[in-house]
Amino acid sequence: MRQQLGFETESLILREFTLEDAGELYKLTRQKQITDILPDWNMTVKQTKDFLEFVVSSYASFDPDDIRIMLAITDKRNEELIGWCGVFPNDKLDPADREIAYAISEHYRNQGLTTEAARGMLRYIFQQSSLQQIVAIVKPFNIASRRVIEKVGFQHRQLVQLSDGADYDYFTVERGPFLIRPISETEIEPFLDILAELEHVNLDRSNPNHEQWLRRKIGSLFSRGTMFFVYQDPLDEQLYGIISVLHEEAPEGISALGARAEVMQMGVSKDSRRRGIGSLLLQHVEKVSRGRGVYCLLMMTYAEDYDVIAFYGKNGFIPVANLPDVYGPNLEGNVFLRKVLR
C-alpha cells in the first residue's frame, strides 16, 4: 500500500484530492477573485470532474525525480476544502521548471494561510524530492501573490513575456537558501552534539573538561570571524547539519591576504546522512566565498579519514599537501585539500 501524500501546518492540512471533492472544488472556481487571476480554472462541472480524475490518478505515479503534485488545502478546524497548492510543470515555461501554484477561498484570505500553505509546500517538496529549484510566475498587478512568494523566500529574477503574450515576474527559490541559514554564537547550543562528534570520537560532553574545551574552541572560532551556517527545517526545526568557514578579509591594498577561506567544520546528523545535505552545505559556502572574492577554499582533515577525503574529492577538492606526525610519533597526520573558485 502506497503512502499518502500530504502534510500538516499549524492551521492547515494539505492532503490528496479525492473524487468526492468535485462539488466543493467547483464552488471555489466560481469565485471571481480566483478566476480573474487564473482564467483556466473557469471550468464547467464536467471539466472540473475530468480534471479532478486526472489529479487523483496522478498520485499513484508520484515521482520524486519528476515532481507533479497538487494537494487540497483544508482547514484543520473543520476539514473544509478552502483551496489548493501544487508544484508542477507549466507549458509556458522551460520543461525543466517546476512552478508553485496556489489559490485560496475569498473567505480565508488576509489571514496568512496562503503563505503558510506555500511555505509548507516548499518544505515538503524539498524533503521528498531531488528538486533543486522551484519557480513562481506572477502577473505584475497581482501584488497579493507577489507578497506571498517573497515571504516564503522566492527571489525576483526577471520580467518575462510568455507564450500567452502576457508579462510575468519570474521568481526562483533554491533548495539550499530555503533550508540553509547563518547562525550566531547564541544559537549554537542545539548543534553542539554534532560539533563534538566532528572534533573527536572520544570527546564526551558529559565530561566538564571536554565540554569547556569544546565551548572555548567554538567561541574562539566566532571571535576570529568564522561564519556558521546550518541546514535546518524552518517549520519543525529539525537539525540536519552545520558547516563553518573562516574568511579573514584582507587589509586595504593587500588583496592577496583575503584570497583564501577555510572550511573549519562540517557535519550532518546521523539520521540525515547520505541525502546530499553535506554537499548542499558545501555548495552554499562556496557561493558565499565567491561573493566575498575568495580565490580558493581549503580544508584539513585526518590523513586516514578516507570517507571525508572521498566526499570532498567528489565535490571538486584536490589533495595538495600532507602534514605527518602532528599528533605525535606514529600517529596519523593531516591532509590538506583545496578547490579553486575563480
Protein backbone atom coordinates (compact mmCIF):
# COMPACT_ATOMS: atom_id res chain seq x y z
CA MET A 1 0.00 0.00 0.00
CA ARG A 2 1.44 3.36 -1.03
CA GLN A 3 1.99 6.18 1.41
CA GLN A 4 -0.50 9.05 1.23
CA LEU A 5 0.92 12.35 0.01
CA GLY A 6 0.49 15.48 2.07
CA PHE A 7 1.45 17.29 5.25
CA GLU A 8 0.12 19.48 8.05
CA THR A 9 0.97 23.01 9.12
CA GLU A 10 -0.15 24.90 12.20
CA SER A 11 -3.60 25.73 10.79
CA LEU A 12 -3.94 23.60 7.68
CA ILE A 13 -3.97 20.08 6.31
CA LEU A 14 -2.74 19.65 2.75
CA ARG A 15 -3.95 16.28 1.53
CA GLU A 16 -4.62 14.38 -1.66
CA PHE A 17 -7.75 15.38 -3.53
CA THR A 18 -10.50 12.77 -3.80
CA LEU A 19 -13.29 12.47 -6.36
CA GLU A 20 -15.70 13.49 -3.62
CA ASP A 21 -14.10 16.96 -3.63
CA ALA A 22 -15.53 17.76 -7.07
CA GLY A 23 -18.52 19.75 -5.80
CA GLU A 24 -16.54 21.89 -3.35
CA LEU A 25 -13.74 22.43 -5.86
CA TYR A 26 -16.27 23.62 -8.45
CA LYS A 27 -17.68 26.12 -5.91
CA LEU A 28 -14.22 27.52 -5.34
CA THR A 29 -13.73 28.03 -9.07
CA ARG A 30 -16.91 30.14 -9.15
CA GLN A 31 -15.19 32.79 -7.06
CA LYS A 32 -14.32 35.73 -9.29
CA GLN A 33 -11.23 36.55 -7.23
CA ILE A 34 -9.77 33.19 -8.33
CA THR A 35 -10.79 33.06 -11.99
CA ASP A 36 -9.80 36.67 -12.67
CA ILE A 37 -6.21 35.70 -11.86
CA LEU A 38 -6.44 32.06 -13.03
CA PRO A 39 -8.83 32.05 -16.01
CA ASP A 40 -8.00 28.42 -16.85
CA TRP A 41 -9.87 27.45 -13.68
CA ASN A 42 -13.15 28.82 -15.04
CA MET A 43 -14.37 25.30 -15.85
CA THR A 44 -17.71 23.61 -16.26
CA VAL A 45 -18.88 20.94 -13.82
CA LYS A 46 -17.80 18.20 -16.23
CA GLN A 47 -14.40 19.81 -16.87
CA THR A 48 -13.86 20.07 -13.12
CA LYS A 49 -14.68 16.37 -12.61
CA ASP A 50 -12.43 15.33 -15.51
CA PHE A 51 -9.57 17.42 -14.19
CA LEU A 52 -10.02 16.03 -10.70
CA GLU A 53 -9.93 12.46 -12.03
CA PHE A 54 -6.60 13.28 -13.68
CA VAL A 55 -5.19 14.77 -10.45
CA VAL A 56 -6.34 11.85 -8.30
CA SER A 57 -4.91 9.27 -10.72
CA SER A 58 -1.54 11.06 -10.70
CA TYR A 59 -0.85 10.35 -7.02
CA ALA A 60 -0.08 6.67 -7.64
CA SER A 61 2.76 7.61 -10.01
CA PHE A 62 4.33 10.34 -7.85
CA ASP A 63 8.00 10.54 -8.85
CA PRO A 64 10.46 12.47 -6.63
CA ASP A 65 12.68 12.96 -9.67
CA ASP A 66 9.84 14.40 -11.80
CA ILE A 67 7.64 16.47 -9.49
CA ARG A 68 3.98 16.88 -10.44
CA ILE A 69 1.67 17.28 -7.47
CA MET A 70 -1.42 19.23 -6.49
CA LEU A 71 -2.90 18.97 -3.00
CA ALA A 72 -6.12 20.16 -1.43
CA ILE A 73 -5.84 22.83 1.28
CA THR A 74 -8.23 22.16 4.14
CA ASP A 75 -8.95 23.99 7.37
CA LYS A 76 -7.73 21.95 10.35
CA ARG A 77 -10.67 23.05 12.48
CA ASN A 78 -13.48 21.80 10.25
CA GLU A 79 -11.76 19.97 7.33
CA GLU A 80 -13.40 22.36 4.86
CA LEU A 81 -11.78 22.48 1.42
CA ILE A 82 -10.54 26.06 1.10
CA GLY A 83 -8.05 25.95 -1.78
CA TRP A 84 -5.22 24.13 -3.46
CA CYS A 85 -1.45 24.24 -3.73
CA GLY A 86 0.89 22.35 -6.01
CA VAL A 87 4.22 22.16 -7.81
CA PHE A 88 4.22 21.01 -11.43
CA PRO A 89 5.39 21.84 -14.97
CA ASN A 90 3.87 24.76 -16.84
CA ASP A 91 3.59 24.58 -20.63
CA LYS A 92 4.53 28.26 -20.83
CA LEU A 93 7.86 27.69 -19.03
CA ASP A 94 11.04 25.69 -19.64
CA PRO A 95 10.24 21.95 -19.45
CA ALA A 96 12.73 21.59 -16.59
CA ASP A 97 10.98 24.25 -14.50
CA ARG A 98 8.63 23.26 -11.70
CA GLU A 99 6.23 26.03 -10.74
CA ILE A 100 4.45 26.52 -7.43
CA ALA A 101 0.80 27.49 -7.84
CA TYR A 102 -1.92 28.09 -5.28
CA ALA A 103 -5.33 29.58 -4.66
CA ILE A 104 -7.41 30.07 -1.54
CA SER A 105 -11.06 30.87 -0.90
CA GLU A 106 -12.07 34.51 -0.58
CA HIS A 107 -13.40 33.66 2.90
CA TYR A 108 -9.92 32.69 4.14
CA ARG A 109 -7.78 35.47 2.75
CA ASN A 110 -5.71 38.02 4.68
CA GLN A 111 -5.05 35.51 7.47
CA GLY A 112 -1.59 34.36 6.40
CA LEU A 113 -2.94 30.97 5.31
CA THR A 114 -1.73 31.15 1.69
CA THR A 115 1.77 31.92 2.93
CA GLU A 116 1.52 29.06 5.43
CA ALA A 117 0.46 26.62 2.70
CA ALA A 118 3.13 27.78 0.23
CA ARG A 119 5.92 27.61 2.81
CA GLY A 120 4.79 24.14 3.81
CA MET A 121 4.70 23.02 0.19
CA LEU A 122 8.27 24.19 -0.44
CA ARG A 123 9.46 22.36 2.65
CA TYR A 124 7.57 19.21 1.66
CA ILE A 125 8.87 19.14 -1.91
CA PHE A 126 12.48 19.80 -0.94
CA GLN A 127 12.26 17.00 1.65
CA GLN A 128 10.52 14.49 -0.62
CA SER A 129 12.36 15.07 -3.88
CA SER A 130 15.70 15.77 -5.50
CA LEU A 131 14.41 19.05 -6.96
CA GLN A 132 16.98 21.82 -6.60
CA GLN A 133 14.83 24.80 -7.57
CA ILE A 134 11.18 25.84 -7.69
CA VAL A 135 9.92 28.77 -9.74
CA ALA A 136 6.93 31.09 -9.49
CA ILE A 137 5.39 33.41 -12.06
CA VAL A 138 3.20 36.33 -11.05
CA LYS A 139 1.42 38.92 -13.14
CA PRO A 140 2.84 42.34 -12.21
CA PHE A 141 -0.51 43.64 -10.94
CA ASN A 142 -1.02 40.68 -8.57
CA ILE A 143 0.53 42.30 -5.51
CA ALA A 144 -1.01 39.83 -3.04
CA SER A 145 0.56 36.79 -4.73
CA ARG A 146 3.90 38.56 -5.05
CA ARG A 147 3.83 39.27 -1.32
CA VAL A 148 3.23 35.57 -0.57
CA ILE A 149 6.13 34.24 -2.61
CA GLU A 150 8.52 36.86 -1.33
CA LYS A 151 7.58 35.99 2.25
CA VAL A 152 8.42 32.32 1.71
CA GLY A 153 11.84 33.05 0.22
CA PHE A 154 11.50 33.50 -3.55
CA GLN A 155 13.83 35.96 -5.28
CA HIS A 156 12.79 38.04 -8.29
CA ARG A 157 14.90 37.23 -11.35
CA GLN A 158 13.37 38.99 -14.34
CA LEU A 159 10.26 40.20 -16.14
CA VAL A 160 9.38 37.75 -18.91
CA GLN A 161 6.82 37.57 -21.68
CA LEU A 162 5.45 34.05 -22.03
CA SER A 163 3.70 32.25 -24.88
CA ASP A 164 0.29 33.64 -23.92
CA GLY A 165 1.63 37.12 -24.73
CA ALA A 166 1.35 38.33 -21.13
CA ASP A 167 4.14 39.71 -18.95
CA TYR A 168 5.07 37.88 -15.75
CA ASP A 169 7.51 38.46 -12.95
CA TYR A 170 9.69 35.34 -12.75
CA PHE A 171 10.89 34.20 -9.30
CA THR A 172 13.01 31.29 -8.06
CA VAL A 173 13.82 29.68 -4.74
CA GLU A 174 16.61 27.14 -4.40
CA ARG A 175 16.80 24.19 -2.05
CA GLY A 176 19.92 25.44 -0.28
CA PRO A 177 18.89 29.04 0.50
CA PHE A 178 15.48 27.83 1.62
CA LEU A 179 16.86 25.48 4.25
CA ILE A 180 20.33 26.93 4.92
CA ARG A 181 20.79 29.99 7.12
CA PRO A 182 23.59 31.65 9.09
CA ILE A 183 23.55 31.39 12.88
CA SER A 184 25.13 33.41 15.67
CA GLU A 185 27.05 32.12 18.68
CA THR A 186 23.90 32.44 20.82
CA GLU A 187 22.13 29.91 18.52
CA ILE A 188 24.87 27.26 18.55
CA GLU A 189 23.60 25.19 21.50
CA PRO A 190 21.42 22.68 19.56
CA PHE A 191 24.37 21.85 17.29
CA LEU A 192 26.96 21.10 19.97
CA ASP A 193 26.49 17.32 19.75
CA ILE A 194 27.27 17.36 16.03
CA LEU A 195 30.27 19.64 16.57
CA ALA A 196 31.59 17.45 19.39
CA GLU A 197 31.49 14.38 17.16
CA LEU A 198 33.43 16.28 14.49
CA GLU A 199 36.26 17.09 16.89
CA HIS A 200 36.99 13.57 18.15
CA VAL A 201 35.17 10.28 18.65
CA ASN A 202 36.21 10.27 22.31
CA LEU A 203 35.08 13.81 23.09
CA ASP A 204 32.48 13.37 25.85
CA ARG A 205 30.16 16.28 26.56
CA SER A 206 29.24 14.79 29.94
CA ASN A 207 32.84 15.39 30.97
CA PRO A 208 33.00 19.05 32.19
CA ASN A 209 36.57 19.43 30.98
CA HIS A 210 35.64 18.22 27.48
CA GLU A 211 32.57 20.44 27.41
CA GLN A 212 34.56 23.54 28.38
CA TRP A 213 37.20 22.73 25.76
CA LEU A 214 34.52 22.44 23.05
CA ARG A 215 32.84 25.72 24.01
CA ARG A 216 36.18 27.55 24.15
CA LYS A 217 37.06 26.33 20.67
CA ILE A 218 33.72 27.38 19.20
CA GLY A 219 33.96 30.74 20.94
CA SER A 220 37.43 31.20 19.51
CA LEU A 221 36.16 30.48 16.00
CA PHE A 222 33.39 33.04 16.32
CA SER A 223 35.82 35.62 17.73
CA ARG A 224 38.03 35.20 14.64
CA GLY A 225 35.06 35.89 12.36
CA THR A 226 34.16 32.32 11.42
CA MET A 227 30.75 32.08 9.75
CA PHE A 228 28.46 29.21 10.75
CA PHE A 229 25.62 28.00 8.52
CA VAL A 230 23.03 25.36 9.36
CA TYR A 231 20.72 23.21 7.28
CA GLN A 232 17.56 23.34 9.33
CA ASP A 233 13.87 22.80 8.71
CA PRO A 234 12.15 26.19 9.07
CA LEU A 235 8.92 24.66 10.36
CA ASP A 236 9.74 21.79 12.71
CA GLU A 237 13.29 23.00 13.50
CA GLN A 238 14.78 19.56 12.92
CA LEU A 239 18.58 19.75 12.87
CA TYR A 240 20.22 18.31 9.77
CA GLY A 241 23.74 19.70 9.52
CA ILE A 242 26.19 22.52 10.15
CA ILE A 243 29.23 24.00 8.41
CA SER A 244 31.67 26.73 9.39
CA VAL A 245 34.02 28.70 7.19
CA LEU A 246 36.68 31.26 8.08
CA HIS A 247 37.43 34.07 5.66
CA GLU A 248 39.65 36.75 7.10
CA GLU A 249 39.20 39.85 4.97
CA ALA A 250 42.34 41.47 3.59
CA PRO A 251 43.65 44.82 4.79
CA GLU A 252 43.26 47.65 2.31
CA GLY A 253 45.69 47.37 -0.58
CA ILE A 254 46.79 43.76 0.14
CA SER A 255 44.09 41.72 -1.57
CA ALA A 256 46.14 38.52 -1.54
CA LEU A 257 45.63 38.22 2.22
CA GLY A 258 41.90 37.79 1.62
CA ALA A 259 42.20 35.30 -1.23
CA ARG A 260 41.61 32.15 0.81
CA ALA A 261 38.87 30.77 3.00
CA GLU A 262 38.97 27.60 5.09
CA VAL A 263 36.20 25.14 5.92
CA MET A 264 36.71 24.67 9.63
CA GLN A 265 34.00 22.11 10.43
CA MET A 266 31.16 20.34 8.69
CA GLY A 267 28.84 17.68 10.00
CA VAL A 268 25.45 16.11 9.31
CA SER A 269 23.28 14.41 11.92
CA LYS A 270 23.31 10.62 11.80
CA ASP A 271 19.67 10.34 10.70
CA SER A 272 20.20 12.73 7.80
CA ARG A 273 23.32 11.32 6.16
CA ARG A 274 23.55 10.13 2.55
CA ARG A 275 20.88 12.61 1.45
CA GLY A 276 23.19 15.16 -0.17
CA ILE A 277 22.94 17.63 2.72
CA GLY A 278 26.72 17.84 3.16
CA SER A 279 27.16 18.73 -0.49
CA LEU A 280 24.45 21.40 -0.26
CA LEU A 281 26.14 22.97 2.76
CA LEU A 282 29.48 22.94 0.96
CA GLN A 283 27.97 24.46 -2.19
CA HIS A 284 26.43 27.22 -0.08
CA VAL A 285 29.79 28.04 1.49
CA GLU A 286 31.40 28.09 -1.96
CA LYS A 287 28.75 30.56 -3.14
CA VAL A 288 29.26 32.79 -0.10
CA SER A 289 33.04 32.64 -0.55
CA ARG A 290 32.87 33.56 -4.23
CA GLY A 291 30.71 36.53 -3.32
CA ARG A 292 33.46 37.69 -0.96
CA GLY A 293 36.11 37.46 -3.69
CA VAL A 294 37.80 34.29 -2.40
CA TYR A 295 40.25 32.63 -4.80
CA CYS A 296 40.46 29.21 -3.18
CA LEU A 297 38.69 27.24 -0.49
CA LEU A 298 40.71 24.81 1.59
CA MET A 299 40.13 22.30 4.36
CA MET A 300 42.15 19.99 6.56
CA THR A 301 41.26 16.53 7.82
CA TYR A 302 42.88 13.43 9.28
CA ALA A 303 45.09 11.69 6.73
CA GLU A 304 43.32 8.36 7.27
CA ASP A 305 39.78 9.75 7.19
CA TYR A 306 39.20 8.27 3.75
CA ASP A 307 35.44 8.83 3.67
CA VAL A 308 35.88 12.55 4.31
CA ILE A 309 38.65 12.80 1.70
CA ALA A 310 36.42 11.00 -0.83
CA PHE A 311 33.47 13.30 -0.04
CA TYR A 312 35.49 16.45 -0.65
CA GLY A 313 37.03 14.89 -3.74
CA LYS A 314 33.53 14.27 -5.10
CA ASN A 315 32.86 17.98 -4.57
CA GLY A 316 35.90 19.13 -6.53
CA PHE A 317 38.58 19.36 -3.83
CA ILE A 318 42.09 18.12 -4.61
CA PRO A 319 44.65 16.92 -2.01
CA VAL A 320 47.60 19.34 -2.10
CA ALA A 321 49.73 18.61 0.98
CA ASN A 322 50.34 16.20 3.87
CA LEU A 323 51.46 17.15 7.35
CA PRO A 324 52.69 13.98 9.10
CA ASP A 325 53.01 13.20 12.82
CA VAL A 326 51.23 16.36 14.03
CA TYR A 327 49.59 14.41 16.86
CA GLY A 328 52.69 12.56 17.95
CA PRO A 329 55.07 9.80 16.80
CA ASN A 330 53.49 7.07 14.70
CA LEU A 331 50.07 8.81 14.72
CA GLU A 332 48.26 9.80 11.58
CA GLY A 333 48.83 13.31 10.32
CA ASN A 334 46.68 15.74 8.38
CA VAL A 335 45.93 16.15 4.71
CA PHE A 336 45.05 19.49 3.12
CA LEU A 337 42.59 19.74 0.23
CA ARG A 338 41.91 22.76 -1.97
CA LYS A 339 39.33 23.91 -4.51
CA VAL A 340 39.94 26.94 -6.77
CA LEU A 341 36.79 29.07 -7.01
CA ARG A 342 37.84 31.58 -9.66
